[in-house]
Amino acid sequence: MKVADRSPSPRGYKVMGKNDMIGGGLFSCLGIVIWVITYPFPVLVEAGKRHPGPALFPRVLATLFILFGLMVILNGWRAARSKTPPPEKGAVGLKLNYFNPVLVVILIAAFIFLAPKLGFIITGTAILAILMMKLQVGPIKSLITSVAVTCFVYFMFATMLRVPLPRGILGW
């Protein structure tokens, strides 16, 4: 009597790897398109020195799209060649959670509404702390990290790049 082979089909790994390779390829292509579109943007020249122009931020994002897209392609290629099965859909930690994306959208709307009133630092710190606690980071650690990240972002944008950020009720 022959025993039926119940091992999972290797096709499941290849599909997962193929999807990753397609997604990574799309992001890498988007990064290349952004680079091509921003190529004719003007370069600021003052007193013979070149300064970053309007193409700087789109090109930084395009470069990140390309790099992370390539990383996803590499992970997909590895998954397609892997012999180990991916976790089952019912496995712990893989349940679908529709609340997290909705929470992010709600918090973005709250930031848009509250930042002019409370200021960037207070609103940014509160929203980061809420998101981190939702992701099961301890309250003390999430507050400390939120304050540090918000202050760093404020310093980079408001002080170094002179981007006006909402000051709010405290004036900072």
N, C-alpha and C. Protein backbone atom coordinates (compact mmCIF):
# COMPACT_ATOMS: atom_id res chain seq x y z
N MET A 1 0.84 -1.17 0.00
CA MET A 1 0.00 0.00 0.00
C MET A 1 0.90 1.25 0.00
N LYS A 2 0.60 2.20 -0.88
CA LYS A 2 1.41 3.41 -1.01
C LYS A 2 0.82 4.53 -0.13
N VAL A 3 1.68 5.24 0.60
CA VAL A 3 1.25 6.33 1.46
C VAL A 3 1.19 7.61 0.62
N ALA A 4 0.10 8.34 0.77
CA ALA A 4 -0.06 9.58 0.01
C ALA A 4 0.94 10.63 0.49
N ASP A 5 1.52 11.33 -0.44
CA ASP A 5 2.47 12.40 -0.11
C ASP A 5 1.68 13.66 0.25
N ARG A 6 1.80 14.09 1.51
CA ARG A 6 1.05 15.26 1.96
C ARG A 6 1.96 16.48 2.13
N SER A 7 3.14 16.44 1.58
CA SER A 7 4.02 17.60 1.71
C SER A 7 3.47 18.74 0.87
N PRO A 8 3.65 19.97 1.38
CA PRO A 8 3.11 21.11 0.64
C PRO A 8 3.80 21.25 -0.71
N SER A 9 3.05 21.73 -1.66
CA SER A 9 3.57 21.89 -3.01
C SER A 9 4.58 23.02 -3.07
N PRO A 10 5.68 22.85 -3.77
CA PRO A 10 6.66 23.92 -3.87
C PRO A 10 6.12 25.11 -4.64
N ARG A 11 4.99 24.94 -5.31
CA ARG A 11 4.39 26.04 -6.07
C ARG A 11 4.03 27.20 -5.12
N GLY A 12 3.62 26.90 -3.89
CA GLY A 12 3.26 27.95 -2.92
C GLY A 12 4.42 28.89 -2.64
N TYR A 13 5.63 28.34 -2.56
CA TYR A 13 6.80 29.19 -2.31
C TYR A 13 7.09 30.04 -3.54
N LYS A 14 6.96 29.45 -4.71
CA LYS A 14 7.27 30.18 -5.93
C LYS A 14 6.31 31.32 -6.16
N VAL A 15 5.02 31.11 -5.83
CA VAL A 15 4.03 32.18 -5.99
C VAL A 15 4.36 33.34 -5.08
N MET A 16 4.69 33.03 -3.80
CA MET A 16 5.03 34.08 -2.86
C MET A 16 6.27 34.83 -3.35
N GLY A 17 7.28 34.11 -3.79
CA GLY A 17 8.48 34.74 -4.29
C GLY A 17 8.22 35.54 -5.56
N LYS A 18 7.37 35.03 -6.42
CA LYS A 18 7.04 35.72 -7.67
C LYS A 18 6.32 37.03 -7.37
N ASN A 19 5.37 37.01 -6.43
CA ASN A 19 4.66 38.23 -6.06
C ASN A 19 5.61 39.27 -5.50
N ASP A 20 6.55 38.84 -4.67
CA ASP A 20 7.54 39.77 -4.12
C ASP A 20 8.41 40.35 -5.23
N MET A 21 8.81 39.50 -6.17
CA MET A 21 9.65 39.99 -7.26
C MET A 21 8.89 40.99 -8.13
N ILE A 22 7.60 40.75 -8.37
CA ILE A 22 6.80 41.68 -9.17
C ILE A 22 6.63 43.00 -8.41
N GLY A 23 6.27 42.92 -7.13
CA GLY A 23 6.10 44.14 -6.34
C GLY A 23 7.38 44.94 -6.21
N GLY A 24 8.48 44.26 -5.95
CA GLY A 24 9.77 44.95 -5.86
C GLY A 24 10.16 45.57 -7.19
N GLY A 25 9.87 44.86 -8.27
CA GLY A 25 10.17 45.39 -9.60
C GLY A 25 9.36 46.64 -9.90
N LEU A 26 8.08 46.65 -9.49
CA LEU A 26 7.24 47.82 -9.70
C LEU A 26 7.76 49.03 -8.92
N PHE A 27 8.16 48.80 -7.67
CA PHE A 27 8.70 49.90 -6.88
C PHE A 27 10.03 50.40 -7.44
N SER A 28 10.88 49.50 -7.89
CA SER A 28 12.14 49.92 -8.49
C SER A 28 11.88 50.70 -9.77
N CYS A 29 10.94 50.25 -10.58
CA CYS A 29 10.59 50.97 -11.82
C CYS A 29 10.03 52.35 -11.49
N LEU A 30 9.20 52.44 -10.45
CA LEU A 30 8.67 53.75 -10.05
C LEU A 30 9.81 54.68 -9.64
N GLY A 31 10.79 54.16 -8.92
CA GLY A 31 11.94 54.97 -8.56
C GLY A 31 12.71 55.46 -9.78
N ILE A 32 12.87 54.60 -10.76
CA ILE A 32 13.57 55.00 -11.99
C ILE A 32 12.76 56.07 -12.73
N VAL A 33 11.43 55.91 -12.78
CA VAL A 33 10.58 56.91 -13.45
C VAL A 33 10.71 58.26 -12.74
N ILE A 34 10.73 58.26 -11.41
CA ILE A 34 10.87 59.52 -10.67
C ILE A 34 12.21 60.16 -10.99
N TRP A 35 13.27 59.38 -11.05
CA TRP A 35 14.58 59.91 -11.41
C TRP A 35 14.54 60.55 -12.80
N VAL A 36 13.92 59.87 -13.75
CA VAL A 36 13.86 60.39 -15.12
C VAL A 36 13.04 61.68 -15.16
N ILE A 37 11.93 61.72 -14.45
CA ILE A 37 11.09 62.92 -14.44
C ILE A 37 11.81 64.10 -13.81
N THR A 38 12.60 63.86 -12.75
CA THR A 38 13.27 64.96 -12.06
C THR A 38 14.60 65.35 -12.69
N TYR A 39 15.03 64.64 -13.72
CA TYR A 39 16.32 64.96 -14.36
C TYR A 39 16.36 66.40 -14.90
N PRO A 40 15.32 66.88 -15.56
CA PRO A 40 15.41 68.26 -16.08
C PRO A 40 15.15 69.35 -15.05
N PHE A 41 14.90 69.01 -13.80
CA PHE A 41 14.67 70.04 -12.78
C PHE A 41 15.91 70.92 -12.67
N PRO A 42 15.72 72.21 -12.36
CA PRO A 42 16.87 73.12 -12.32
C PRO A 42 17.80 72.86 -11.13
N VAL A 43 19.05 73.19 -11.33
CA VAL A 43 20.06 73.12 -10.28
C VAL A 43 20.32 74.55 -9.83
N LEU A 44 20.31 74.78 -8.54
CA LEU A 44 20.53 76.12 -8.02
C LEU A 44 22.03 76.39 -7.92
N VAL A 45 22.46 77.44 -8.59
CA VAL A 45 23.87 77.83 -8.54
C VAL A 45 23.94 79.25 -8.01
N GLU A 46 24.70 79.40 -6.92
CA GLU A 46 24.85 80.71 -6.31
C GLU A 46 26.32 80.91 -5.99
N ALA A 47 26.88 81.98 -6.50
CA ALA A 47 28.30 82.30 -6.29
C ALA A 47 29.19 81.13 -6.71
N GLY A 48 28.83 80.48 -7.79
CA GLY A 48 29.64 79.39 -8.32
C GLY A 48 29.47 78.06 -7.59
N LYS A 49 28.64 78.02 -6.56
CA LYS A 49 28.42 76.78 -5.81
C LYS A 49 27.07 76.20 -6.17
N ARG A 50 27.02 74.88 -6.27
CA ARG A 50 25.76 74.18 -6.54
C ARG A 50 25.06 73.88 -5.23
N HIS A 51 23.76 74.16 -5.21
CA HIS A 51 22.94 73.89 -4.02
C HIS A 51 21.83 72.92 -4.41
N PRO A 52 21.34 72.16 -3.44
CA PRO A 52 20.22 71.26 -3.76
C PRO A 52 19.03 72.04 -4.27
N GLY A 53 18.46 71.56 -5.31
CA GLY A 53 17.30 72.21 -5.90
C GLY A 53 16.04 71.44 -5.64
N PRO A 54 15.02 71.68 -6.43
CA PRO A 54 13.72 71.02 -6.20
C PRO A 54 13.74 69.52 -6.49
N ALA A 55 14.81 69.02 -7.09
CA ALA A 55 14.87 67.58 -7.39
C ALA A 55 15.40 66.75 -6.21
N LEU A 56 15.92 67.42 -5.19
CA LEU A 56 16.58 66.68 -4.10
C LEU A 56 15.66 65.65 -3.43
N PHE A 57 14.53 66.07 -2.89
CA PHE A 57 13.67 65.15 -2.14
C PHE A 57 13.05 64.07 -3.02
N PRO A 58 12.55 64.42 -4.22
CA PRO A 58 12.05 63.32 -5.06
C PRO A 58 13.14 62.30 -5.41
N ARG A 59 14.36 62.76 -5.61
CA ARG A 59 15.44 61.82 -5.94
C ARG A 59 15.84 60.97 -4.75
N VAL A 60 15.79 61.55 -3.56
CA VAL A 60 16.07 60.75 -2.36
C VAL A 60 15.02 59.65 -2.23
N LEU A 61 13.75 60.02 -2.40
CA LEU A 61 12.69 59.01 -2.35
C LEU A 61 12.82 58.00 -3.47
N ALA A 62 13.17 58.45 -4.67
CA ALA A 62 13.34 57.54 -5.80
C ALA A 62 14.46 56.55 -5.51
N THR A 63 15.55 57.02 -4.95
CA THR A 63 16.66 56.14 -4.62
C THR A 63 16.23 55.09 -3.59
N LEU A 64 15.47 55.53 -2.58
CA LEU A 64 14.98 54.59 -1.58
C LEU A 64 14.02 53.58 -2.21
N PHE A 65 13.15 54.03 -3.13
CA PHE A 65 12.26 53.11 -3.84
C PHE A 65 13.08 52.05 -4.57
N ILE A 66 14.12 52.48 -5.25
CA ILE A 66 14.93 51.54 -6.03
C ILE A 66 15.63 50.55 -5.09
N LEU A 67 16.26 51.06 -4.04
CA LEU A 67 17.00 50.18 -3.13
C LEU A 67 16.08 49.18 -2.43
N PHE A 68 14.97 49.66 -1.87
CA PHE A 68 14.08 48.75 -1.17
C PHE A 68 13.36 47.82 -2.14
N GLY A 69 13.07 48.30 -3.34
CA GLY A 69 12.50 47.42 -4.35
C GLY A 69 13.44 46.28 -4.69
N LEU A 70 14.74 46.60 -4.81
CA LEU A 70 15.73 45.55 -5.08
C LEU A 70 15.83 44.57 -3.92
N MET A 71 15.69 45.08 -2.69
CA MET A 71 15.72 44.19 -1.53
C MET A 71 14.52 43.24 -1.53
N VAL A 72 13.35 43.75 -1.91
CA VAL A 72 12.16 42.90 -1.98
C VAL A 72 12.31 41.86 -3.09
N ILE A 73 12.89 42.27 -4.22
CA ILE A 73 13.15 41.32 -5.30
C ILE A 73 14.08 40.21 -4.82
N LEU A 74 15.13 40.59 -4.10
CA LEU A 74 16.07 39.59 -3.59
C LEU A 74 15.39 38.64 -2.61
N ASN A 75 14.57 39.18 -1.72
CA ASN A 75 13.84 38.32 -0.78
C ASN A 75 12.87 37.40 -1.51
N GLY A 76 12.21 37.90 -2.55
CA GLY A 76 11.31 37.07 -3.34
C GLY A 76 12.04 35.97 -4.07
N TRP A 77 13.21 36.30 -4.58
CA TRP A 77 14.03 35.30 -5.28
C TRP A 77 14.46 34.21 -4.30
N ARG A 78 14.85 34.63 -3.09
CA ARG A 78 15.23 33.65 -2.07
C ARG A 78 14.04 32.78 -1.66
N ALA A 79 12.87 33.40 -1.53
CA ALA A 79 11.68 32.64 -1.14
C ALA A 79 11.30 31.64 -2.22
N ALA A 80 11.47 32.02 -3.49
CA ALA A 80 11.13 31.11 -4.58
C ALA A 80 12.07 29.91 -4.62
N ARG A 81 13.30 30.11 -4.21
CA ARG A 81 14.29 29.01 -4.21
C ARG A 81 14.28 28.22 -2.92
N SER A 82 13.58 28.70 -1.89
CA SER A 82 13.60 28.09 -0.57
C SER A 82 12.86 26.74 -0.57
N LYS A 83 13.34 25.84 0.25
CA LYS A 83 12.70 24.54 0.42
C LYS A 83 11.79 24.52 1.64
N THR A 84 11.93 25.52 2.53
CA THR A 84 11.11 25.55 3.73
C THR A 84 9.76 26.17 3.41
N PRO A 85 8.69 25.59 3.94
CA PRO A 85 7.36 26.11 3.62
C PRO A 85 7.09 27.43 4.32
N PRO A 86 6.31 28.29 3.69
CA PRO A 86 5.90 29.51 4.38
C PRO A 86 4.91 29.16 5.48
N PRO A 87 4.75 30.02 6.50
CA PRO A 87 3.80 29.73 7.57
C PRO A 87 2.39 29.58 7.03
N GLU A 88 1.61 28.74 7.69
CA GLU A 88 0.21 28.53 7.30
C GLU A 88 -0.58 29.80 7.57
N LYS A 89 -1.70 29.96 6.88
CA LYS A 89 -2.52 31.16 7.06
C LYS A 89 -3.09 31.25 8.46
N GLY A 90 -3.36 30.15 9.10
CA GLY A 90 -3.94 30.16 10.43
C GLY A 90 -2.89 30.26 11.53
N ALA A 91 -1.62 30.41 11.16
CA ALA A 91 -0.55 30.44 12.15
C ALA A 91 -0.66 31.71 13.00
N VAL A 92 -0.13 31.62 14.21
CA VAL A 92 -0.18 32.75 15.13
C VAL A 92 0.59 33.92 14.53
N GLY A 93 0.03 35.11 14.64
CA GLY A 93 0.68 36.32 14.16
C GLY A 93 0.38 36.66 12.71
N LEU A 94 -0.33 35.82 11.99
CA LEU A 94 -0.61 36.09 10.60
C LEU A 94 -2.09 36.37 10.33
N LYS A 95 -2.86 36.58 11.38
CA LYS A 95 -4.27 36.86 11.15
C LYS A 95 -4.41 38.25 10.54
N LEU A 96 -5.42 38.41 9.72
CA LEU A 96 -5.66 39.69 9.08
C LEU A 96 -6.20 40.68 10.10
N ASN A 97 -5.66 41.88 10.07
CA ASN A 97 -6.08 42.91 11.00
C ASN A 97 -6.42 44.14 10.18
N TYR A 98 -7.70 44.45 10.09
CA TYR A 98 -8.14 45.59 9.32
C TYR A 98 -8.15 46.87 10.15
N PHE A 99 -8.00 46.75 11.45
CA PHE A 99 -8.07 47.94 12.31
C PHE A 99 -6.83 48.81 12.17
N ASN A 100 -5.64 48.21 12.05
CA ASN A 100 -4.42 49.00 12.00
C ASN A 100 -4.39 50.00 10.84
N PRO A 101 -4.70 49.61 9.60
CA PRO A 101 -4.70 50.61 8.53
C PRO A 101 -5.75 51.71 8.75
N VAL A 102 -6.90 51.34 9.30
CA VAL A 102 -7.93 52.33 9.58
C VAL A 102 -7.44 53.29 10.66
N LEU A 103 -6.77 52.76 11.68
CA LEU A 103 -6.22 53.60 12.74
C LEU A 103 -5.21 54.59 12.18
N VAL A 104 -4.36 54.15 11.27
CA VAL A 104 -3.36 55.05 10.67
C VAL A 104 -4.06 56.19 9.92
N VAL A 105 -5.08 55.88 9.16
CA VAL A 105 -5.82 56.92 8.43
C VAL A 105 -6.48 57.89 9.41
N ILE A 106 -7.07 57.37 10.48
CA ILE A 106 -7.71 58.23 11.49
C ILE A 106 -6.67 59.14 12.14
N LEU A 107 -5.50 58.58 12.46
CA LEU A 107 -4.47 59.39 13.11
C LEU A 107 -3.88 60.44 12.16
N ILE A 108 -3.80 60.13 10.88
CA ILE A 108 -3.34 61.14 9.91
C ILE A 108 -4.35 62.29 9.86
N ALA A 109 -5.63 61.95 9.82
CA ALA A 109 -6.67 62.98 9.83
C ALA A 109 -6.60 63.79 11.13
N ALA A 110 -6.37 63.12 12.25
CA ALA A 110 -6.25 63.81 13.54
C ALA A 110 -5.04 64.75 13.52
N PHE A 111 -3.94 64.31 12.93
CA PHE A 111 -2.76 65.17 12.85
C PHE A 111 -3.06 66.42 12.03
N ILE A 112 -3.73 66.25 10.90
CA ILE A 112 -4.07 67.40 10.05
C ILE A 112 -4.95 68.39 10.80
N PHE A 113 -5.89 67.87 11.58
CA PHE A 113 -6.80 68.73 12.32
C PHE A 113 -6.15 69.35 13.56
N LEU A 114 -5.36 68.56 14.31
CA LEU A 114 -4.84 69.01 15.60
C LEU A 114 -3.51 69.75 15.53
N ALA A 115 -2.69 69.49 14.53
CA ALA A 115 -1.35 70.11 14.48
C ALA A 115 -1.41 71.64 14.48
N PRO A 116 -2.30 72.27 13.72
CA PRO A 116 -2.33 73.74 13.78
C PRO A 116 -2.74 74.26 15.17
N LYS A 117 -3.52 73.50 15.91
CA LYS A 117 -3.98 73.96 17.22
C LYS A 117 -2.99 73.63 18.33
N LEU A 118 -2.50 72.38 18.34
CA LEU A 118 -1.60 71.94 19.42
C LEU A 118 -0.13 72.09 19.08
N GLY A 119 0.20 72.13 17.80
CA GLY A 119 1.59 72.24 17.38
C GLY A 119 2.14 70.89 16.93
N PHE A 120 3.21 70.96 16.16
CA PHE A 120 3.81 69.77 15.59
C PHE A 120 4.36 68.85 16.67
N ILE A 121 5.05 69.40 17.64
CA ILE A 121 5.74 68.56 18.64
C ILE A 121 4.73 67.79 19.49
N ILE A 122 3.71 68.46 19.99
CA ILE A 122 2.73 67.79 20.84
C ILE A 122 1.94 66.76 20.04
N THR A 123 1.45 67.17 18.86
CA THR A 123 0.63 66.26 18.05
C THR A 123 1.45 65.09 17.53
N GLY A 124 2.65 65.37 17.04
CA GLY A 124 3.50 64.30 16.52
C GLY A 124 3.88 63.29 17.59
N THR A 125 4.23 63.80 18.77
CA THR A 125 4.58 62.91 19.88
C THR A 125 3.39 62.03 20.27
N ALA A 126 2.21 62.63 20.38
CA ALA A 126 1.02 61.87 20.79
C ALA A 126 0.68 60.79 19.76
N ILE A 127 0.73 61.15 18.49
CA ILE A 127 0.34 60.18 17.45
C ILE A 127 1.36 59.05 17.36
N LEU A 128 2.65 59.38 17.43
CA LEU A 128 3.66 58.31 17.42
C LEU A 128 3.51 57.40 18.63
N ALA A 129 3.25 57.98 19.79
CA ALA A 129 3.09 57.17 21.00
C ALA A 129 1.88 56.24 20.87
N ILE A 130 0.78 56.76 20.33
CA ILE A 130 -0.42 55.92 20.14
C ILE A 130 -0.11 54.76 19.20
N LEU A 131 0.55 55.06 18.08
CA LEU A 131 0.88 54.00 17.12
C LEU A 131 1.81 52.96 17.73
N MET A 132 2.80 53.42 18.49
CA MET A 132 3.75 52.47 19.08
C MET A 132 3.07 51.61 20.14
N MET A 133 2.20 52.21 20.94
CA MET A 133 1.50 51.41 21.95
C MET A 133 0.54 50.41 21.29
N LYS A 134 -0.07 50.79 20.17
CA LYS A 134 -0.92 49.86 19.42
C LYS A 134 -0.10 48.68 18.91
N LEU A 135 1.17 48.94 18.60
CA LEU A 135 2.06 47.87 18.14
C LEU A 135 2.74 47.16 19.30
N GLN A 136 2.18 47.32 20.51
CA GLN A 136 2.59 46.62 21.72
C GLN A 136 3.98 46.98 22.22
N VAL A 137 4.38 48.21 22.01
CA VAL A 137 5.59 48.73 22.63
C VAL A 137 5.17 49.27 23.99
N GLY A 138 5.99 49.09 24.98
CA GLY A 138 5.65 49.55 26.33
C GLY A 138 5.43 51.06 26.37
N PRO A 139 4.59 51.53 27.30
CA PRO A 139 4.25 52.96 27.33
C PRO A 139 5.44 53.87 27.58
N ILE A 140 6.34 53.51 28.48
CA ILE A 140 7.50 54.36 28.76
C ILE A 140 8.41 54.42 27.53
N LYS A 141 8.69 53.27 26.97
CA LYS A 141 9.56 53.21 25.79
C LYS A 141 8.93 53.95 24.61
N SER A 142 7.63 53.81 24.43
CA SER A 142 6.98 54.49 23.31
C SER A 142 6.99 56.01 23.51
N LEU A 143 6.79 56.48 24.71
CA LEU A 143 6.83 57.92 24.97
C LEU A 143 8.24 58.50 24.76
N ILE A 144 9.24 57.81 25.28
CA ILE A 144 10.61 58.29 25.12
C ILE A 144 11.01 58.30 23.64
N THR A 145 10.69 57.24 22.94
CA THR A 145 11.02 57.16 21.52
C THR A 145 10.24 58.20 20.73
N SER A 146 8.98 58.38 21.04
CA SER A 146 8.16 59.36 20.33
C SER A 146 8.69 60.77 20.52
N VAL A 147 9.05 61.12 21.74
CA VAL A 147 9.62 62.45 21.99
C VAL A 147 10.93 62.62 21.23
N ALA A 148 11.79 61.61 21.27
CA ALA A 148 13.08 61.71 20.59
C ALA A 148 12.91 61.83 19.08
N VAL A 149 12.07 61.02 18.48
CA VAL A 149 11.87 61.06 17.04
C VAL A 149 11.21 62.37 16.62
N THR A 150 10.21 62.81 17.36
CA THR A 150 9.53 64.06 17.02
C THR A 150 10.49 65.24 17.13
N CYS A 151 11.29 65.29 18.17
CA CYS A 151 12.27 66.37 18.32
C CYS A 151 13.32 66.33 17.21
N PHE A 152 13.76 65.14 16.83
CA PHE A 152 14.72 65.02 15.74
C PHE A 152 14.11 65.52 14.43
N VAL A 153 12.89 65.11 14.14
CA VAL A 153 12.22 65.55 12.91
C VAL A 153 12.01 67.06 12.95
N TYR A 154 11.61 67.61 14.09
CA TYR A 154 11.42 69.05 14.22
C TYR A 154 12.74 69.78 13.99
N PHE A 155 13.81 69.28 14.60
CA PHE A 155 15.12 69.91 14.42
C PHE A 155 15.53 69.88 12.95
N MET A 156 15.38 68.74 12.30
CA MET A 156 15.80 68.63 10.90
C MET A 156 14.99 69.55 10.00
N PHE A 157 13.67 69.54 10.15
CA PHE A 157 12.84 70.30 9.22
C PHE A 157 12.72 71.77 9.61
N ALA A 158 12.41 72.06 10.87
CA ALA A 158 12.18 73.45 11.27
C ALA A 158 13.47 74.24 11.40
N THR A 159 14.52 73.60 11.92
CA THR A 159 15.76 74.33 12.16
C THR A 159 16.72 74.25 10.98
N MET A 160 17.04 73.04 10.56
CA MET A 160 18.04 72.87 9.50
C MET A 160 17.50 73.24 8.11
N LEU A 161 16.31 72.76 7.78
CA LEU A 161 15.76 73.00 6.44
C LEU A 161 14.83 74.22 6.39
N ARG A 162 14.55 74.80 7.55
CA ARG A 162 13.70 75.99 7.66
C ARG A 162 12.31 75.80 7.05
N VAL A 163 11.76 74.62 7.29
CA VAL A 163 10.39 74.34 6.86
C VAL A 163 9.47 74.79 7.99
N PRO A 164 8.52 75.66 7.72
CA PRO A 164 7.64 76.11 8.80
C PRO A 164 6.69 74.98 9.23
N LEU A 165 6.79 74.60 10.48
CA LEU A 165 5.92 73.58 11.05
C LEU A 165 4.95 74.27 12.02
N PRO A 166 3.76 73.68 12.22
CA PRO A 166 2.78 74.32 13.11
C PRO A 166 3.32 74.45 14.53
N ARG A 167 3.20 75.68 15.08
CA ARG A 167 3.72 75.93 16.42
C ARG A 167 2.70 75.62 17.50
N GLY A 168 1.44 75.87 17.25
CA GLY A 168 0.39 75.52 18.21
C GLY A 168 0.31 76.43 19.40
N ILE A 169 -0.34 75.94 20.45
CA ILE A 169 -0.65 76.76 21.62
C ILE A 169 0.60 77.13 22.44
N LEU A 170 1.64 76.30 22.41
CA LEU A 170 2.83 76.59 23.19
C LEU A 170 3.83 77.48 22.45
N GLY A 171 3.65 77.62 21.17
CA GLY A 171 4.55 78.48 20.38
C GLY A 171 5.84 77.80 19.97
N TRP A 172 5.91 76.46 20.15
CA TRP A 172 7.11 75.73 19.67
C TRP A 172 6.78 74.39 19.18
